[in-house]
């Protein structure tokens, strides 16, 4: 199994609840998680969200209403969701999904704290247009 250690629980059921915008996933160790689409989207494992090293994560804004349009299995080890904002490069391995479920409360709080710190919003209508290109805009 690529990228998984033998102790990773495997999913026994994966259900997409489009109305409530939740990915429900049950694992063979008995745990069961409900991961909101928004949460999955802001914690996408893709490079464009995670950046290329710690501290380079790109804060995702305005994803409250994001939908998952499709879910494709990748081998026997991951899921690849397609989001309504066009994002589809994230590969969610079983161990990553398990970690998201297990640490959901902490991760979500971290995200909300970051939003507050940077003056971001979960609603796309509140997002200011990107600043004009030119400066890099990183504050140190």
Protein backbone atom coordinates (compact mmCIF):
# COMPACT_ATOMS: atom_id res chain seq x y z
CA UNK A 1 0.00 0.00 0.00
CA UNK A 2 1.66 3.16 -1.14
CA UNK A 3 2.30 5.76 1.49
CA UNK A 4 0.52 3.94 4.29
CA UNK A 5 1.90 2.11 7.24
CA UNK A 6 0.30 -1.14 8.24
CA UNK A 7 -1.36 0.44 11.25
CA UNK A 8 -3.46 2.87 9.26
CA UNK A 9 -7.13 2.04 9.69
CA UNK A 10 -8.88 1.47 6.39
CA UNK A 11 -12.21 3.02 5.50
CA UNK A 12 -15.18 0.68 5.55
CA UNK A 13 -17.72 3.23 4.33
CA UNK A 14 -17.49 6.58 2.61
CA UNK A 15 -20.63 8.62 2.15
CA UNK A 16 -20.99 11.99 0.48
CA UNK A 17 -23.81 14.00 2.03
CA UNK A 18 -24.26 16.72 -0.56
CA UNK A 19 -27.12 18.49 1.22
CA UNK A 20 -25.32 18.90 4.52
CA UNK A 21 -21.95 19.18 2.72
CA UNK A 22 -20.31 16.46 4.76
CA UNK A 23 -18.04 13.58 3.85
CA UNK A 24 -18.79 10.78 6.26
CA UNK A 25 -16.10 8.19 6.61
CA UNK A 26 -16.05 5.09 8.80
CA UNK A 27 -12.85 3.17 9.52
CA UNK A 28 -12.28 -0.45 10.39
CA UNK A 29 -11.10 0.45 13.90
CA UNK A 30 -14.65 1.58 14.66
CA UNK A 31 -14.08 5.30 14.37
CA UNK A 32 -16.39 7.41 12.28
CA UNK A 33 -15.84 10.98 11.19
CA UNK A 34 -17.97 13.64 9.56
CA UNK A 35 -15.74 16.01 7.66
CA UNK A 36 -17.38 19.15 6.30
CA UNK A 37 -16.49 19.95 2.67
CA UNK A 38 -15.17 23.34 3.78
CA UNK A 39 -12.84 21.69 6.29
CA UNK A 40 -11.58 19.23 3.68
CA UNK A 41 -11.03 22.05 1.24
CA UNK A 42 -9.10 24.35 3.56
CA UNK A 43 -6.93 21.43 4.66
CA UNK A 44 -6.33 20.10 1.18
CA UNK A 45 -3.03 18.19 1.06
CA UNK A 46 -2.25 19.68 -2.36
CA UNK A 47 0.88 21.74 -2.89
CA UNK A 48 -1.08 24.85 -3.82
CA UNK A 49 -2.69 24.89 -0.35
CA UNK A 50 0.10 23.46 1.76
CA UNK A 51 2.90 25.44 0.16
CA UNK A 52 6.31 23.90 -0.10
CA UNK A 53 7.31 23.82 3.52
CA UNK A 54 6.06 24.56 7.01
CA UNK A 55 4.78 28.10 7.39
CA UNK A 56 4.10 28.37 3.67
CA UNK A 57 0.55 27.13 3.87
CA UNK A 58 -1.75 29.33 1.86
CA UNK A 59 -4.71 30.48 3.94
CA UNK A 60 -7.87 29.48 2.08
CA UNK A 61 -10.64 32.06 2.18
CA UNK A 62 -14.33 32.08 1.37
CA UNK A 63 -14.81 28.31 1.25
CA UNK A 64 -17.91 28.10 3.45
CA UNK A 65 -20.17 27.16 0.55
CA UNK A 66 -17.78 24.96 -1.37
CA UNK A 67 -19.26 21.75 -2.77
CA UNK A 68 -17.68 18.42 -3.54
CA UNK A 69 -18.75 17.64 -7.11
CA UNK A 70 -17.06 14.27 -7.35
CA UNK A 71 -14.90 11.82 -5.45
CA UNK A 72 -12.62 9.41 -7.21
CA UNK A 73 -10.68 6.64 -5.53
CA UNK A 74 -6.95 6.64 -6.21
CA UNK A 75 -5.56 3.14 -6.02
CA UNK A 76 -6.39 1.58 -2.67
CA UNK A 77 -5.01 4.37 -0.61
CA UNK A 78 -6.57 7.75 -1.32
CA UNK A 79 -9.52 9.83 -2.45
CA UNK A 80 -9.40 12.68 -4.91
CA UNK A 81 -12.34 15.06 -4.52
CA UNK A 82 -13.25 17.67 -7.12
CA UNK A 83 -14.42 20.88 -5.48
CA UNK A 84 -16.84 23.40 -6.94
CA UNK A 85 -14.17 26.11 -6.91
CA UNK A 86 -12.15 24.14 -9.44
CA UNK A 87 -9.71 22.68 -6.95
CA UNK A 88 -9.00 19.02 -7.64
CA UNK A 89 -5.31 18.44 -7.04
CA UNK A 90 -5.57 17.19 -3.46
CA UNK A 91 -4.96 13.51 -2.79
CA UNK A 92 -6.43 12.58 0.55
CA UNK A 93 -4.78 9.35 1.71
CA UNK A 94 -6.57 7.21 4.29
CA UNK A 95 -4.09 8.19 6.99
CA UNK A 96 -4.51 11.88 6.13
CA UNK A 97 -8.31 11.60 6.28
CA UNK A 98 -8.01 9.73 9.56
CA UNK A 99 -5.76 12.44 10.98
CA UNK A 100 -8.21 15.13 9.79
CA UNK A 101 -11.05 13.32 11.56
CA UNK A 102 -9.11 12.63 14.73
CA UNK A 103 -7.74 16.19 15.04
CA UNK A 104 -10.71 17.95 13.50
CA UNK A 105 -11.55 20.20 16.47
CA UNK A 106 -7.96 21.40 16.91
CA UNK A 107 -7.37 21.88 13.19
CA UNK A 108 -10.60 23.80 12.74
CA UNK A 109 -9.77 26.08 15.67
CA UNK A 110 -6.32 26.69 14.20
CA UNK A 111 -7.95 27.65 10.91
CA UNK A 112 -10.43 30.02 12.59
CA UNK A 113 -7.60 31.60 14.59
CA UNK A 114 -5.58 32.14 11.43
CA UNK A 115 -8.57 33.68 9.69
CA UNK A 116 -9.07 36.05 12.61
CA UNK A 117 -5.37 36.93 12.69
CA UNK A 118 -5.25 37.71 9.01
CA UNK A 119 -8.67 39.33 8.82
CA UNK A 120 -9.97 36.63 6.50
CA UNK A 121 -13.51 35.41 6.07
CA UNK A 122 -15.19 32.09 5.37
CA UNK A 123 -17.73 33.78 3.10
CA UNK A 124 -16.67 34.35 -0.48
CA UNK A 125 -18.68 37.58 -0.70
CA UNK A 126 -16.47 39.14 2.02
CA UNK A 127 -13.22 38.45 0.23
CA UNK A 128 -11.51 41.55 -1.12
CA UNK A 129 -10.09 41.25 -4.64
CA UNK A 130 -6.43 40.25 -4.71
CA UNK A 131 -4.00 43.16 -4.45
CA UNK A 132 -2.48 44.35 -7.70
CA UNK A 133 0.51 42.28 -8.75
CA UNK A 134 3.92 43.73 -8.11
CA UNK A 135 5.00 43.31 -4.52
CA UNK A 136 5.27 39.88 -3.04
CA UNK A 137 3.17 40.97 -0.07
CA UNK A 138 4.79 38.75 2.56
CA UNK A 139 5.12 40.24 6.02
CA UNK A 140 8.01 39.05 8.11
